Amino acid sequence: MLFSPYPKTKREELFDREKELEELKKAIESGERLILLLGLRRLGKSSLLNVALGELSYPSIKVDVRKTYSEFSSVNRYVVGRMLLSAISGKLEEAKNFLRRVKGISISGVRIDVSPRDFSIVELLEALNDYGERTGRVIIAFDEAQYLRFGGATRYDGILAYAIDNLDNLTFILTGSEVGLLFDFLKFNEPGAPLFGRYHHDIILEKFNSEMSAEFLEKGFEEMRFKVSELEIEKAVEELDGIVGWLTLYGYIRVTRKVKHEDAMEEILREARLILSTELSRLFSYSPRYKGILKAISLGYSRWRDIKDYLTLKLGYINDSNFSSLLENLVKSGYVEKRNGRYKISDPVLERVFREL
């Protein structure tokens, strides 16, 4: 159903993403080696990826890099190798014949073990490339790929560059909500970096406009035979500003809990506060000034100078260079967007939460 709060896996569960879905599938089928799937948080990148992989006949492997980093506090080659092999186990049975020759990998029945000392992620990719020669292609997707920058001694940008140049039966898909940080990691425009000058096919997911947001809610409520007024839909569209994840959660809460608009919005705010205490806690631990900057922007301070003046008033002096660095980090992380010299919090729900802090 449209209002399912979980990542979608079927085309009929998506809404107004036909163009992006077909573009992604066409890019894979035409043999593109590096595809970037970009957009703000809660716009449905993982759902779009799931549906595309489900509709294509090529074998595919998907690794949630953010989950890997959260679980192991690192994304070294052994950790990623384990995640790749875990995805292969029981799914790509035929691929195991190609994996047996990879140093550091032992296979017994359905169990695949990895020796950290001997394992080579490059050899694993070479084996999957050979397997892809038989199947037509192997797709390797790294969800929230900006976390690959925490590879320590493992240079994933170098590994990707080698694979793109030499392993023509592999397609890599990198999704990223923190688009600036992802591009900082990939360094396409930095001479001397492994991926400098490499071609990449970018697919960008945008927010729904007001009309599309209203249509999404109307169809979702109609699907569940749940009646809401036009005024309530207008309020939800205005307050959730095209973020499909929040629109979905709003519909799900109203339908499953049979609550009014105001109660559903309060539940969404509670969810946003939870995100604030988890997703953003690591960022705030680096500097409390991040919270001050977000507070300032949520209150309507949108110019560089006004935001800095507010921050100085609340937390004391900060030089221009350090302030600019903090503000730029928030832009790269996707929490703040800059347009025409003005700054705005990208997510309207988080903006409201910051305003109420």
Protein backbone atom coordinates (compact mmCIF):
# COMPACT_ATOMS: atom_id res chain seq x y z
CA MET A 1 0.00 0.00 0.00
CA LEU A 2 1.12 3.59 -0.56
CA PHE A 3 1.09 4.32 3.15
CA SER A 4 3.32 1.41 4.16
CA PRO A 5 6.07 2.92 6.36
CA TYR A 6 8.62 0.35 5.20
CA PRO A 7 10.87 0.50 2.10
CA LYS A 8 8.90 -0.50 -0.97
CA THR A 9 9.76 -3.52 -3.12
CA LYS A 10 7.14 -3.40 -5.91
CA ARG A 11 6.46 -0.89 -8.67
CA GLU A 12 2.79 -0.46 -7.67
CA GLU A 13 3.92 0.63 -4.20
CA LEU A 14 5.84 3.58 -5.64
CA PHE A 15 4.17 6.87 -6.49
CA ASP A 16 5.30 9.24 -9.24
CA ARG A 17 8.75 7.70 -9.58
CA GLU A 18 8.24 6.03 -12.96
CA LYS A 19 10.67 8.36 -14.72
CA GLU A 20 13.45 7.79 -12.18
CA LEU A 21 12.79 4.03 -12.06
CA GLU A 22 13.02 3.66 -15.83
CA GLU A 23 16.13 5.85 -15.96
CA LEU A 24 17.83 3.70 -13.32
CA LYS A 25 16.92 0.45 -15.05
CA LYS A 26 18.00 1.76 -18.46
CA ALA A 27 21.34 2.93 -17.06
CA ILE A 28 22.01 -0.55 -15.63
CA GLU A 29 20.90 -2.37 -18.76
CA SER A 30 23.09 -0.16 -20.95
CA GLY A 31 26.13 -1.18 -18.93
CA GLU A 32 26.78 1.95 -16.87
CA ARG A 33 29.48 1.15 -14.30
CA LEU A 34 28.82 3.89 -11.70
CA ILE A 35 25.36 5.26 -10.91
CA LEU A 36 24.64 7.77 -8.15
CA LEU A 37 21.12 7.86 -6.70
CA LEU A 38 20.84 11.15 -4.83
CA GLY A 39 18.32 13.10 -2.79
CA LEU A 40 17.34 14.30 0.66
CA ARG A 41 16.46 11.88 3.44
CA ARG A 42 13.00 10.30 3.32
CA LEU A 43 12.49 10.81 -0.43
CA GLY A 44 12.39 7.08 -1.26
CA LYS A 45 15.87 6.32 -2.64
CA SER A 46 16.03 2.90 -0.97
CA SER A 47 12.53 2.03 -2.21
CA LEU A 48 13.39 3.03 -5.77
CA LEU A 49 16.56 0.95 -5.60
CA ASN A 50 14.69 -2.08 -4.21
CA VAL A 51 12.09 -1.97 -6.98
CA ALA A 52 14.70 -1.60 -9.74
CA LEU A 53 16.78 -4.51 -8.43
CA GLY A 54 13.64 -6.62 -8.09
CA GLU A 55 12.56 -6.01 -11.68
CA LEU A 56 15.93 -6.66 -13.31
CA SER A 57 17.13 -10.19 -14.01
CA TYR A 58 20.75 -9.49 -13.09
CA PRO A 59 22.04 -10.81 -9.75
CA SER A 60 22.42 -8.02 -7.24
CA ILE A 61 23.97 -7.37 -3.84
CA LYS A 62 22.97 -4.51 -1.54
CA VAL A 63 24.89 -3.25 1.48
CA ASP A 64 23.52 -0.65 3.91
CA VAL A 65 26.77 1.18 4.68
CA ARG A 66 25.25 3.36 7.41
CA LYS A 67 24.08 0.25 9.25
CA THR A 68 27.55 -1.26 8.84
CA TYR A 69 29.18 1.85 10.29
CA SER A 70 26.68 2.04 13.17
CA GLU A 71 27.23 -1.61 14.07
CA PHE A 72 31.02 -1.81 13.75
CA SER A 73 32.09 1.87 14.10
CA SER A 74 34.12 1.39 10.94
CA VAL A 75 33.76 0.34 7.32
CA ASN A 76 37.00 -1.54 6.76
CA ARG A 77 37.45 -4.09 3.98
CA TYR A 78 36.73 -7.04 6.26
CA VAL A 79 33.44 -5.56 7.44
CA VAL A 80 32.29 -4.73 3.90
CA GLY A 81 33.48 -8.12 2.67
CA ARG A 82 31.40 -9.83 5.34
CA MET A 83 28.35 -7.77 4.38
CA LEU A 84 28.79 -8.55 0.67
CA LEU A 85 29.23 -12.25 1.35
CA SER A 86 26.28 -12.26 3.73
CA ALA A 87 24.13 -10.87 0.93
CA ILE A 88 25.47 -13.49 -1.47
CA SER A 89 24.96 -16.44 0.87
CA GLY A 90 21.80 -18.30 -0.02
CA LYS A 91 20.98 -15.82 -2.80
CA LEU A 92 23.61 -16.29 -5.49
CA GLU A 93 24.31 -19.99 -5.10
CA GLU A 94 26.00 -20.28 -8.48
CA ALA A 95 28.36 -17.42 -7.57
CA LYS A 96 29.95 -19.52 -4.83
CA ASN A 97 31.85 -21.52 -7.45
CA PHE A 98 33.59 -18.29 -8.46
CA LEU A 99 34.20 -17.21 -4.85
CA ARG A 100 36.09 -20.35 -3.82
CA ARG A 101 39.26 -19.06 -5.43
CA VAL A 102 39.22 -15.76 -3.49
CA LYS A 103 41.97 -15.63 -0.89
CA GLY A 104 40.64 -15.54 2.67
CA ILE A 105 37.21 -17.01 1.83
CA SER A 106 36.16 -20.53 2.82
CA ILE A 107 32.80 -22.02 1.84
CA SER A 108 31.11 -24.94 3.57
CA GLY A 109 27.54 -25.65 2.57
CA VAL A 110 25.57 -22.43 3.01
CA ARG A 111 28.19 -20.96 5.32
CA ILE A 112 30.83 -18.52 4.06
CA ASP A 113 33.72 -17.54 6.35
CA VAL A 114 36.23 -14.75 5.90
CA SER A 115 39.76 -14.55 7.23
CA PRO A 116 40.49 -10.86 8.02
CA ARG A 117 44.23 -11.25 7.47
CA ASP A 118 44.08 -12.84 4.02
CA PHE A 119 40.86 -11.40 2.56
CA SER A 120 41.06 -9.13 -0.49
CA ILE A 121 37.99 -7.16 -1.47
CA VAL A 122 39.51 -6.56 -4.92
CA GLU A 123 39.77 -10.32 -5.50
CA LEU A 124 36.14 -10.66 -4.40
CA LEU A 125 35.07 -8.07 -6.97
CA GLU A 126 37.15 -9.78 -9.66
CA ALA A 127 35.39 -13.08 -8.89
CA LEU A 128 31.98 -11.38 -9.06
CA ASN A 129 33.01 -9.82 -12.37
CA ASP A 130 33.78 -13.27 -13.76
CA TYR A 131 30.40 -14.45 -12.50
CA GLY A 132 28.84 -11.42 -14.21
CA GLU A 133 30.28 -12.58 -17.53
CA ARG A 134 27.96 -15.57 -17.29
CA THR A 135 24.90 -13.70 -15.98
CA GLY A 136 25.28 -10.56 -18.09
CA ARG A 137 26.10 -8.28 -15.14
CA VAL A 138 26.29 -8.15 -11.35
CA ILE A 139 24.89 -5.10 -9.54
CA ILE A 140 26.54 -3.99 -6.31
CA ALA A 141 24.60 -1.30 -4.43
CA PHE A 142 25.98 0.67 -1.50
CA ASP A 143 23.13 2.41 0.32
CA GLU A 144 24.21 5.67 2.05
CA ALA A 145 27.62 5.31 0.45
CA GLN A 146 29.06 8.48 2.00
CA TYR A 147 29.89 6.31 5.04
CA LEU A 148 32.52 4.54 2.93
CA ARG A 149 34.76 7.46 3.86
CA PHE A 150 35.21 5.76 7.24
CA GLY A 151 37.19 2.95 5.66
CA GLY A 152 40.36 3.68 7.60
CA ALA A 153 43.27 2.16 5.72
CA THR A 154 40.91 0.85 3.04
CA ARG A 155 40.57 3.32 0.14
CA TYR A 156 37.17 2.59 -1.32
CA ASP A 157 37.53 5.37 -3.85
CA GLY A 158 40.62 3.58 -5.19
CA ILE A 159 38.84 0.22 -5.20
CA LEU A 160 35.91 1.74 -7.09
CA ALA A 161 38.26 3.37 -9.60
CA TYR A 162 40.02 0.06 -10.26
CA ALA A 163 36.69 -1.78 -10.66
CA ILE A 164 35.23 0.87 -12.97
CA ASP A 165 38.32 0.80 -15.18
CA ASN A 166 38.81 -2.97 -15.31
CA LEU A 167 35.70 -4.93 -14.29
CA ASP A 168 33.20 -4.30 -17.05
CA ASN A 169 30.61 -6.81 -15.82
CA LEU A 170 29.94 -4.91 -12.58
CA THR A 171 27.61 -1.97 -12.03
CA PHE A 172 27.97 0.01 -8.81
CA ILE A 173 25.04 2.01 -7.48
CA LEU A 174 25.78 4.47 -4.69
CA THR A 175 22.90 6.16 -2.88
CA GLY A 176 23.47 9.21 -0.75
CA SER A 177 21.36 11.52 1.41
CA GLU A 178 24.40 13.56 2.47
CA VAL A 179 25.19 14.50 -1.11
CA GLY A 180 27.97 16.96 -0.32
CA LEU A 181 29.78 14.44 1.87
CA LEU A 182 29.39 11.75 -0.79
CA PHE A 183 31.01 13.98 -3.42
CA ASP A 184 33.72 14.96 -0.95
CA PHE A 185 34.51 11.26 -0.61
CA LEU A 186 34.40 10.49 -4.34
CA LYS A 187 36.46 13.57 -5.37
CA PHE A 188 35.53 13.45 -9.06
CA ASN A 189 36.95 16.94 -9.63
CA GLU A 190 40.16 16.64 -7.62
CA PRO A 191 43.26 15.95 -9.75
CA GLY A 192 45.24 13.06 -8.34
CA ALA A 193 42.24 11.45 -6.64
CA PRO A 194 41.51 7.87 -7.79
CA LEU A 195 38.10 8.75 -9.27
CA PHE A 196 39.13 12.04 -10.84
CA GLY A 197 37.40 12.52 -14.17
CA ARG A 198 35.45 9.26 -14.01
CA TYR A 199 32.01 9.31 -15.62
CA HIS A 200 29.03 8.78 -13.32
CA HIS A 201 25.33 8.69 -14.16
CA ASP A 202 23.41 10.78 -11.60
CA ILE A 203 19.72 10.28 -10.79
CA ILE A 204 18.29 12.89 -8.43
CA LEU A 205 15.07 12.47 -6.46
CA GLU A 206 13.24 15.71 -5.72
CA LYS A 207 10.50 16.56 -3.24
CA PHE A 208 6.91 16.25 -4.44
CA ASN A 209 5.33 19.57 -5.38
CA SER A 210 2.08 20.61 -3.68
CA GLU A 211 -0.17 19.06 -6.31
CA MET A 212 1.68 15.76 -6.27
CA SER A 213 1.72 15.65 -2.46
CA ALA A 214 -2.05 16.18 -2.36
CA GLU A 215 -2.60 13.50 -5.02
CA PHE A 216 -0.40 11.06 -3.09
CA LEU A 217 -2.43 11.56 0.10
CA GLU A 218 -5.76 11.39 -1.73
CA LYS A 219 -4.86 8.12 -3.47
CA GLY A 220 -3.44 6.63 -0.29
CA PHE A 221 -6.56 7.43 1.75
CA GLU A 222 -8.77 6.21 -1.12
CA GLU A 223 -6.81 2.95 -1.23
CA MET A 224 -7.50 2.43 2.48
CA ARG A 225 -11.11 3.71 2.22
CA PHE A 226 -10.41 6.31 4.85
CA LYS A 227 -12.18 9.66 4.59
CA VAL A 228 -10.36 12.93 5.23
CA SER A 229 -11.36 16.48 4.39
CA GLU A 230 -9.75 18.63 1.71
CA LEU A 231 -8.73 21.09 4.42
CA GLU A 232 -6.82 18.37 6.30
CA ILE A 233 -4.99 17.35 3.14
CA GLU A 234 -4.11 20.98 2.45
CA LYS A 235 -2.72 21.34 5.99
CA ALA A 236 -0.66 18.16 5.68
CA VAL A 237 0.73 19.24 2.30
CA GLU A 238 1.72 22.63 3.69
CA GLU A 239 3.32 21.25 6.86
CA LEU A 240 5.17 18.29 5.29
CA ASP A 241 6.40 20.09 2.15
CA GLY A 242 6.73 17.19 -0.28
CA ILE A 243 8.84 14.87 1.90
CA VAL A 244 7.35 11.53 0.86
CA GLY A 245 8.54 9.75 4.01
CA TRP A 246 6.61 12.16 6.25
CA LEU A 247 3.56 12.12 3.95
CA THR A 248 3.58 8.32 4.12
CA LEU A 249 3.91 8.27 7.90
CA TYR A 250 1.12 10.83 8.22
CA GLY A 251 -1.24 8.66 6.18
CA TYR A 252 -0.19 5.48 7.97
CA ILE A 253 -0.78 6.97 11.43
CA ARG A 254 -4.17 8.37 10.51
CA VAL A 255 -5.38 5.15 8.90
CA THR A 256 -4.05 2.63 11.43
CA ARG A 257 -4.73 4.63 14.57
CA LYS A 258 -7.89 6.40 13.41
CA VAL A 259 -6.65 9.75 14.72
CA LYS A 260 -7.25 13.36 13.70
CA HIS A 261 -4.85 15.55 11.74
CA GLU A 262 -3.43 17.27 14.81
CA ASP A 263 -2.73 13.98 16.58
CA ALA A 264 -0.98 12.54 13.51
CA MET A 265 1.20 15.65 13.22
CA GLU A 266 2.15 15.44 16.89
CA GLU A 267 3.19 11.81 16.38
CA ILE A 268 5.34 12.83 13.42
CA LEU A 269 6.97 15.51 15.57
CA ARG A 270 7.73 12.88 18.21
CA GLU A 271 9.41 10.78 15.53
CA ALA A 272 11.40 13.81 14.40
CA ARG A 273 12.52 14.49 17.98
CA LEU A 274 13.74 10.91 18.16
CA ILE A 275 15.76 11.49 14.98
CA LEU A 276 17.16 14.60 16.62
CA SER A 277 18.38 12.59 19.61
CA THR A 278 19.86 9.75 17.53
CA GLU A 279 20.72 10.70 13.96
CA LEU A 280 22.01 14.14 14.90
CA SER A 281 23.53 13.33 18.28
CA ARG A 282 26.90 12.39 16.76
CA LEU A 283 27.01 15.68 14.85
CA PHE A 284 26.18 17.69 17.98
CA SER A 285 28.86 15.83 19.94
CA TYR A 286 31.48 17.34 17.62
CA SER A 287 30.29 20.87 18.35
CA PRO A 288 27.25 22.31 20.18
CA ARG A 289 27.39 25.17 17.70
CA TYR A 290 25.70 22.95 15.10
CA LYS A 291 22.55 23.00 17.20
CA GLY A 292 22.80 26.77 17.55
CA ILE A 293 23.10 27.24 13.79
CA LEU A 294 20.08 25.02 13.13
CA LYS A 295 18.10 26.89 15.78
CA ALA A 296 18.95 30.22 14.16
CA ILE A 297 17.90 29.06 10.70
CA SER A 298 14.66 27.55 12.06
CA LEU A 299 13.81 30.97 13.55
CA GLY A 300 14.10 32.60 10.15
CA TYR A 301 17.69 33.82 10.12
CA SER A 302 18.70 32.95 6.59
CA ARG A 303 21.70 35.12 5.72
CA TRP A 304 25.28 34.16 6.66
CA ARG A 305 25.83 37.26 8.76
CA ASP A 306 22.50 37.03 10.61
CA ILE A 307 23.06 33.37 11.48
CA LYS A 308 26.58 34.11 12.74
CA ASP A 309 25.35 37.08 14.82
CA TYR A 310 22.69 34.89 16.44
CA LEU A 311 25.23 32.16 17.18
CA THR A 312 27.69 34.65 18.67
CA LEU A 313 24.97 36.12 20.87
CA LYS A 314 23.96 32.70 22.20
CA LEU A 315 27.27 30.83 22.39
CA GLY A 316 30.02 33.42 22.22
CA TYR A 317 32.57 34.49 19.65
CA ILE A 318 33.48 32.27 16.68
CA ASN A 319 35.74 33.38 13.85
CA ASP A 320 34.42 33.58 10.29
CA SER A 321 36.41 30.62 9.01
CA ASN A 322 35.22 28.19 11.69
CA PHE A 323 31.63 29.37 11.37
CA SER A 324 31.66 28.95 7.59
CA SER A 325 33.08 25.45 8.00
CA LEU A 326 30.28 24.43 10.39
CA LEU A 327 27.60 25.89 8.15
CA GLU A 328 29.07 24.20 5.07
CA ASN A 329 29.14 20.87 6.90
CA LEU A 330 25.40 21.18 7.55
CA VAL A 331 24.83 21.86 3.86
CA LYS A 332 26.96 18.88 2.83
CA SER A 333 25.12 16.67 5.33
CA GLY A 334 21.80 17.56 3.71
CA TYR A 335 20.24 19.19 6.76
CA VAL A 336 20.53 22.71 5.33
CA GLU A 337 20.19 23.92 1.76
CA LYS A 338 21.56 27.14 0.30
CA ARG A 339 19.70 29.00 -2.40
CA ASN A 340 20.41 32.50 -3.68
CA GLY A 341 22.67 33.24 -0.74
CA ARG A 342 20.12 32.22 1.87
CA TYR A 343 20.06 29.15 4.10
CA LYS A 344 17.06 26.99 4.94
CA ILE A 345 16.53 23.71 6.79
CA SER A 346 15.69 21.14 4.13
CA ASP A 347 13.17 19.14 6.17
CA PRO A 348 10.12 21.14 7.37
CA VAL A 349 9.41 18.76 10.24
CA LEU A 350 12.94 18.99 11.60
CA GLU A 351 12.76 22.75 11.12
CA ARG A 352 9.73 22.88 13.40
CA VAL A 353 11.44 20.69 15.99
CA PHE A 354 14.48 22.96 16.03
CA ARG A 355 12.26 26.01 16.34
CA GLU A 356 10.67 24.52 19.45
CA LEU A 357 13.99 23.63 21.13
